Amino acid sequence: MNQPPLPPPPKKRGLWLKIGVPVAVAVVGAVVALGAIGLRSVGWNAEVGDCLHVPEFSSDAEEQPTKVDCGDDKATVKVAVKLDEGTGSCPDGNYDEISYESGAKFCLMINARDGDCFANVTSPTKGYERVACTDPAAEVAIAKVVSGTTDMEQVCAEFDQAQGIYYAEPATVVCLTPPTSV
């Protein structure tokens, strides 16, 4: 007896990075999802455009996210969208999500500049860490950040081994490469 096909699994939310982390010349592979995390702080507040230091993406994290100046090296994510009800979804793109018991949900984008390198992007729980591109812990380099578009293919075409990520709000493309290519 023929059974109808199963529906596709629900789309996961969070930052989905497809990056190449080469040992020699290996290419693209790791898919990382830092999904929605329910944090305990009820009164913590941030607004769109605020930058955060998130030491750990975990509901039982010992250290909670803190607001920091966007120019600070610890400011590795930025609030792109704030959903006060917590029931909505982040826009299309590669957002990390943080949810609070109060119902607030933050859609976060990486706070990166051309030439930055990051560690912990493949960790399911550790917060991103900005490191020197020569640091053995560096997993990805930011080749280019372009605001005003979501066309990853066009923006990242000029880079070898580049993988693009995008955010719909605000429209931004980030081109990722192995740290040795920056």
C-alpha atoms as a PDB file:
ATOM      1  CA  MET A   1       0.000   0.000   0.000  1.00  0.00           C
ATOM      2  CA  ASN A   2       1.268   3.421  -0.960  1.00  0.00           C
ATOM      3  CA  GLN A   3       1.584   5.984   1.749  1.00  0.00           C
ATOM      4  CA  PRO A   4       1.742   9.699   1.010  1.00  0.00           C
ATOM      5  CA  PRO A   5       5.234  11.205   1.283  1.00  0.00           C
ATOM      6  CA  LEU A   6       6.209  12.699   4.604  1.00  0.00           C
ATOM      7  CA  PRO A   7       6.184  16.494   4.794  1.00  0.00           C
ATOM      8  CA  PRO A   8       9.586  18.191   4.822  1.00  0.00           C
ATOM      9  CA  PRO A   9      11.053  18.840   8.274  1.00  0.00           C
ATOM     10  CA  PRO A  10      10.395  22.314   9.686  1.00  0.00           C
ATOM     11  CA  LYS A  11      12.984  24.947   8.835  1.00  0.00           C
ATOM     12  CA  LYS A  12      15.453  25.465  11.649  1.00  0.00           C
ATOM     13  CA  ARG A  13      16.316  28.984  12.721  1.00  0.00           C
ATOM     14  CA  GLY A  14      19.694  30.260  13.694  1.00  0.00           C
ATOM     15  CA  LEU A  15      22.913  31.155  12.081  1.00  0.00           C
ATOM     16  CA  TRP A  16      23.637  28.566   9.401  1.00  0.00           C
ATOM     17  CA  LEU A  17      27.184  28.934   8.360  1.00  0.00           C
ATOM     18  CA  LYS A  18      28.529  26.782   5.570  1.00  0.00           C
ATOM     19  CA  ILE A  19      32.229  27.418   5.836  1.00  0.00           C
ATOM     20  CA  GLY A  20      35.349  25.879   4.547  1.00  0.00           C
ATOM     21  CA  VAL A  21      37.741  25.092   7.340  1.00  0.00           C
ATOM     22  CA  PRO A  22      40.697  23.721   5.413  1.00  0.00           C
ATOM     23  CA  VAL A  23      43.624  21.895   6.880  1.00  0.00           C
ATOM     24  CA  ALA A  24      45.432  22.189   3.584  1.00  0.00           C
ATOM     25  CA  VAL A  25      43.110  22.962   0.713  1.00  0.00           C
ATOM     26  CA  ALA A  26      39.939  21.286   2.003  1.00  0.00           C
ATOM     27  CA  VAL A  27      36.754  23.063   1.052  1.00  0.00           C
ATOM     28  CA  VAL A  28      33.388  23.848   2.557  1.00  0.00           C
ATOM     29  CA  GLY A  29      31.733  21.505   4.949  1.00  0.00           C
ATOM     30  CA  ALA A  30      30.613  22.367   8.411  1.00  0.00           C
ATOM     31  CA  VAL A  31      27.010  23.364   8.878  1.00  0.00           C
ATOM     32  CA  VAL A  32      26.391  25.000  12.204  1.00  0.00           C
ATOM     33  CA  ALA A  33      23.118  25.855  13.812  1.00  0.00           C
ATOM     34  CA  LEU A  34      23.072  27.921  16.939  1.00  0.00           C
ATOM     35  CA  GLY A  35      19.347  27.798  17.385  1.00  0.00           C
ATOM     36  CA  ALA A  36      16.874  29.505  19.601  1.00  0.00           C
ATOM     37  CA  ILE A  37      18.111  29.660  23.161  1.00  0.00           C
ATOM     38  CA  GLY A  38      15.806  30.416  26.071  1.00  0.00           C
ATOM     39  CA  LEU A  39      17.748  32.455  28.587  1.00  0.00           C
ATOM     40  CA  ARG A  40      16.722  33.012  32.184  1.00  0.00           C
ATOM     41  CA  SER A  41      17.131  36.766  32.447  1.00  0.00           C
ATOM     42  CA  VAL A  42      13.722  38.367  32.516  1.00  0.00           C
ATOM     43  CA  GLY A  43      14.719  42.008  32.720  1.00  0.00           C
ATOM     44  CA  TRP A  44      17.605  42.105  30.251  1.00  0.00           C
ATOM     45  CA  ASN A  45      16.926  44.487  27.409  1.00  0.00           C
ATOM     46  CA  ALA A  46      18.566  45.389  24.134  1.00  0.00           C
ATOM     47  CA  GLU A  47      17.394  47.333  21.113  1.00  0.00           C
ATOM     48  CA  VAL A  48      17.891  46.935  17.370  1.00  0.00           C
ATOM     49  CA  GLY A  49      21.433  48.027  16.529  1.00  0.00           C
ATOM     50  CA  ASP A  50      22.871  47.184  19.961  1.00  0.00           C
ATOM     51  CA  CYS A  51      25.932  44.937  19.971  1.00  0.00           C
ATOM     52  CA  LEU A  52      26.325  42.063  22.382  1.00  0.00           C
ATOM     53  CA  HIS A  53      28.944  39.849  23.913  1.00  0.00           C
ATOM     54  CA  VAL A  54      27.418  36.362  24.094  1.00  0.00           C
ATOM     55  CA  PRO A  55      29.837  34.063  25.929  1.00  0.00           C
ATOM     56  CA  GLU A  56      27.618  31.023  25.516  1.00  0.00           C
ATOM     57  CA  PHE A  57      24.504  30.141  23.502  1.00  0.00           C
ATOM     58  CA  SER A  58      22.893  27.960  26.148  1.00  0.00           C
ATOM     59  CA  SER A  59      19.820  28.132  28.349  1.00  0.00           C
ATOM     60  CA  ASP A  60      21.925  27.302  31.408  1.00  0.00           C
ATOM     61  CA  ALA A  61      24.829  29.609  30.579  1.00  0.00           C
ATOM     62  CA  GLU A  62      26.723  30.826  33.623  1.00  0.00           C
ATOM     63  CA  GLU A  63      27.412  34.191  31.999  1.00  0.00           C
ATOM     64  CA  GLN A  64      24.539  36.040  30.317  1.00  0.00           C
ATOM     65  CA  PRO A  65      24.862  38.249  27.213  1.00  0.00           C
ATOM     66  CA  THR A  66      25.921  41.829  27.847  1.00  0.00           C
ATOM     67  CA  LYS A  67      25.610  44.986  25.763  1.00  0.00           C
ATOM     68  CA  VAL A  68      28.965  46.333  24.602  1.00  0.00           C
ATOM     69  CA  ASP A  69      30.124  49.059  22.241  1.00  0.00           C
ATOM     70  CA  CYS A  70      29.958  47.816  18.638  1.00  0.00           C
ATOM     71  CA  GLY A  71      33.655  48.684  18.162  1.00  0.00           C
ATOM     72  CA  ASP A  72      34.698  46.452  21.078  1.00  0.00           C
ATOM     73  CA  ASP A  73      36.372  43.176  20.046  1.00  0.00           C
ATOM     74  CA  LYS A  74      33.944  41.327  22.347  1.00  0.00           C
ATOM     75  CA  ALA A  75      30.962  42.677  20.365  1.00  0.00           C
ATOM     76  CA  THR A  76      30.551  39.666  18.090  1.00  0.00           C
ATOM     77  CA  VAL A  77      26.801  39.868  17.423  1.00  0.00           C
ATOM     78  CA  LYS A  78      24.350  42.697  16.782  1.00  0.00           C
ATOM     79  CA  VAL A  79      20.596  42.838  17.400  1.00  0.00           C
ATOM     80  CA  ALA A  80      19.099  42.930  13.899  1.00  0.00           C
ATOM     81  CA  VAL A  81      15.446  42.369  14.825  1.00  0.00           C
ATOM     82  CA  LYS A  82      13.638  42.438  18.171  1.00  0.00           C
ATOM     83  CA  LEU A  83      10.380  40.513  18.539  1.00  0.00           C
ATOM     84  CA  ASP A  84       8.661  41.594  21.757  1.00  0.00           C
ATOM     85  CA  GLU A  85       6.070  38.832  21.729  1.00  0.00           C
ATOM     86  CA  GLY A  86       8.542  36.021  21.137  1.00  0.00           C
ATOM     87  CA  THR A  87       6.029  34.185  18.977  1.00  0.00           C
ATOM     88  CA  GLY A  88       7.211  35.585  15.653  1.00  0.00           C
ATOM     89  CA  SER A  89       9.994  34.269  13.501  1.00  0.00           C
ATOM     90  CA  CYS A  90      13.211  35.930  12.500  1.00  0.00           C
ATOM     91  CA  PRO A  91      13.285  37.132   8.887  1.00  0.00           C
ATOM     92  CA  ASP A  92      14.978  35.026   6.215  1.00  0.00           C
ATOM     93  CA  GLY A  93      18.685  34.735   6.740  1.00  0.00           C
ATOM     94  CA  ASN A  94      21.365  33.299   8.949  1.00  0.00           C
ATOM     95  CA  TYR A  95      20.338  34.728  12.311  1.00  0.00           C
ATOM     96  CA  ASP A  96      21.180  33.437  15.742  1.00  0.00           C
ATOM     97  CA  GLU A  97      18.229  33.693  18.108  1.00  0.00           C
ATOM     98  CA  ILE A  98      18.068  34.421  21.808  1.00  0.00           C
ATOM     99  CA  SER A  99      14.729  34.145  23.603  1.00  0.00           C
ATOM    100  CA  TYR A 100      13.898  35.287  27.104  1.00  0.00           C
ATOM    101  CA  GLU A 101      11.298  34.080  29.584  1.00  0.00           C
ATOM    102  CA  SER A 102       9.716  37.534  29.341  1.00  0.00           C
ATOM    103  CA  GLY A 103       8.733  36.670  25.771  1.00  0.00           C
ATOM    104  CA  ALA A 104      11.275  38.857  23.999  1.00  0.00           C
ATOM    105  CA  LYS A 105      13.240  37.301  21.156  1.00  0.00           C
ATOM    106  CA  PHE A 106      16.328  38.768  19.509  1.00  0.00           C
ATOM    107  CA  CYS A 107      17.415  37.927  15.967  1.00  0.00           C
ATOM    108  CA  LEU A 108      21.184  38.384  15.939  1.00  0.00           C
ATOM    109  CA  MET A 109      23.614  38.905  13.088  1.00  0.00           C
ATOM    110  CA  ILE A 110      27.369  38.585  13.253  1.00  0.00           C
ATOM    111  CA  ASN A 111      29.074  41.910  14.022  1.00  0.00           C
ATOM    112  CA  ALA A 112      32.010  41.677  11.644  1.00  0.00           C
ATOM    113  CA  ARG A 113      34.301  43.895   9.635  1.00  0.00           C
ATOM    114  CA  ASP A 114      36.338  43.055   6.539  1.00  0.00           C
ATOM    115  CA  GLY A 115      39.465  41.196   7.680  1.00  0.00           C
ATOM    116  CA  ASP A 116      38.082  39.942  11.022  1.00  0.00           C
ATOM    117  CA  CYS A 117      38.608  36.307  11.993  1.00  0.00           C
ATOM    118  CA  PHE A 118      36.461  34.298  14.385  1.00  0.00           C
ATOM    119  CA  ALA A 119      36.753  31.189  16.523  1.00  0.00           C
ATOM    120  CA  ASN A 120      33.898  29.070  17.903  1.00  0.00           C
ATOM    121  CA  VAL A 121      31.690  29.373  14.805  1.00  0.00           C
ATOM    122  CA  THR A 122      31.424  25.585  14.624  1.00  0.00           C
ATOM    123  CA  SER A 123      30.593  25.205  18.321  1.00  0.00           C
ATOM    124  CA  PRO A 124      26.945  24.467  19.116  1.00  0.00           C
ATOM    125  CA  THR A 125      27.122  26.472  22.359  1.00  0.00           C
ATOM    126  CA  LYS A 126      30.222  28.677  22.659  1.00  0.00           C
ATOM    127  CA  GLY A 127      29.833  32.315  21.704  1.00  0.00           C
ATOM    128  CA  TYR A 128      31.838  33.625  18.779  1.00  0.00           C
ATOM    129  CA  GLU A 129      35.266  34.972  19.585  1.00  0.00           C
ATOM    130  CA  ARG A 130      37.124  37.510  17.462  1.00  0.00           C
ATOM    131  CA  VAL A 131      40.739  36.292  17.149  1.00  0.00           C
ATOM    132  CA  ALA A 132      43.832  37.056  15.094  1.00  0.00           C
ATOM    133  CA  CYS A 133      43.701  35.371  11.698  1.00  0.00           C
ATOM    134  CA  THR A 134      47.009  33.675  12.543  1.00  0.00           C
ATOM    135  CA  ASP A 135      45.523  32.168  15.725  1.00  0.00           C
ATOM    136  CA  PRO A 136      45.194  28.374  15.370  1.00  0.00           C
ATOM    137  CA  ALA A 137      41.676  28.690  16.825  1.00  0.00           C
ATOM    138  CA  ALA A 138      40.542  30.899  13.906  1.00  0.00           C
ATOM    139  CA  GLU A 139      37.898  29.013  11.939  1.00  0.00           C
ATOM    140  CA  VAL A 140      36.693  31.627   9.492  1.00  0.00           C
ATOM    141  CA  ALA A 141      37.789  34.963   8.053  1.00  0.00           C
ATOM    142  CA  ILE A 142      35.480  37.764   6.983  1.00  0.00           C
ATOM    143  CA  ALA A 143      36.477  38.648   3.437  1.00  0.00           C
ATOM    144  CA  LYS A 144      33.769  41.239   2.867  1.00  0.00           C
ATOM    145  CA  VAL A 145      30.662  42.732   4.498  1.00  0.00           C
ATOM    146  CA  VAL A 146      28.180  44.513   2.211  1.00  0.00           C
ATOM    147  CA  SER A 147      25.031  46.281   3.396  1.00  0.00           C
ATOM    148  CA  GLY A 148      21.961  46.858   1.244  1.00  0.00           C
ATOM    149  CA  THR A 149      21.816  43.477  -0.520  1.00  0.00           C
ATOM    150  CA  THR A 150      21.125  39.793   0.095  1.00  0.00           C
ATOM    151  CA  ASP A 151      22.749  38.543  -3.148  1.00  0.00           C
ATOM    152  CA  MET A 152      25.481  36.306  -1.739  1.00  0.00           C
ATOM    153  CA  GLU A 153      26.587  34.929  -5.107  1.00  0.00           C
ATOM    154  CA  GLN A 154      27.244  38.354  -6.599  1.00  0.00           C
ATOM    155  CA  VAL A 155      28.941  39.805  -3.524  1.00  0.00           C
ATOM    156  CA  CYS A 156      31.169  36.801  -2.763  1.00  0.00           C
ATOM    157  CA  ALA A 157      32.038  35.781  -6.357  1.00  0.00           C
ATOM    158  CA  GLU A 158      35.410  37.550  -6.273  1.00  0.00           C
ATOM    159  CA  PHE A 159      36.790  35.331  -3.486  1.00  0.00           C
ATOM    160  CA  ASP A 160      38.208  31.819  -3.815  1.00  0.00           C
ATOM    161  CA  GLN A 161      36.687  29.342  -1.364  1.00  0.00           C
ATOM    162  CA  ALA A 162      34.152  31.935  -0.205  1.00  0.00           C
ATOM    163  CA  GLN A 163      30.822  31.041   1.333  1.00  0.00           C
ATOM    164  CA  GLY A 164      28.233  33.744   1.806  1.00  0.00           C
ATOM    165  CA  ILE A 165      25.720  34.251   4.578  1.00  0.00           C
ATOM    166  CA  TYR A 166      22.977  36.854   4.508  1.00  0.00           C
ATOM    167  CA  TYR A 167      20.464  38.691   6.634  1.00  0.00           C
ATOM    168  CA  ALA A 168      17.194  40.106   5.258  1.00  0.00           C
ATOM    169  CA  GLU A 169      16.882  42.830   7.937  1.00  0.00           C
ATOM    170  CA  PRO A 170      18.977  44.843   7.646  1.00  0.00           C
ATOM    171  CA  ALA A 171      19.909  43.533   4.196  1.00  0.00           C
ATOM    172  CA  THR A 172      23.518  42.401   4.597  1.00  0.00           C
ATOM    173  CA  VAL A 173      25.842  39.834   3.015  1.00  0.00           C
ATOM    174  CA  VAL A 174      28.953  38.510   4.755  1.00  0.00           C
ATOM    175  CA  CYS A 175      31.560  36.599   2.712  1.00  0.00           C
ATOM    176  CA  LEU A 176      33.420  33.950   4.712  1.00  0.00           C
ATOM    177  CA  THR A 177      36.723  32.376   3.711  1.00  0.00           C
ATOM    178  CA  PRO A 178      39.316  30.191   5.404  1.00  0.00           C
ATOM    179  CA  PRO A 179      41.398  32.335   7.783  1.00  0.00           C
ATOM    180  CA  THR A 180      44.563  31.752   5.755  1.00  0.00           C
ATOM    181  CA  SER A 181      43.121  33.580   2.724  1.00  0.00           C
ATOM    182  CA  VAL A 182      42.679  37.012   4.332  1.00  0.00           C
END
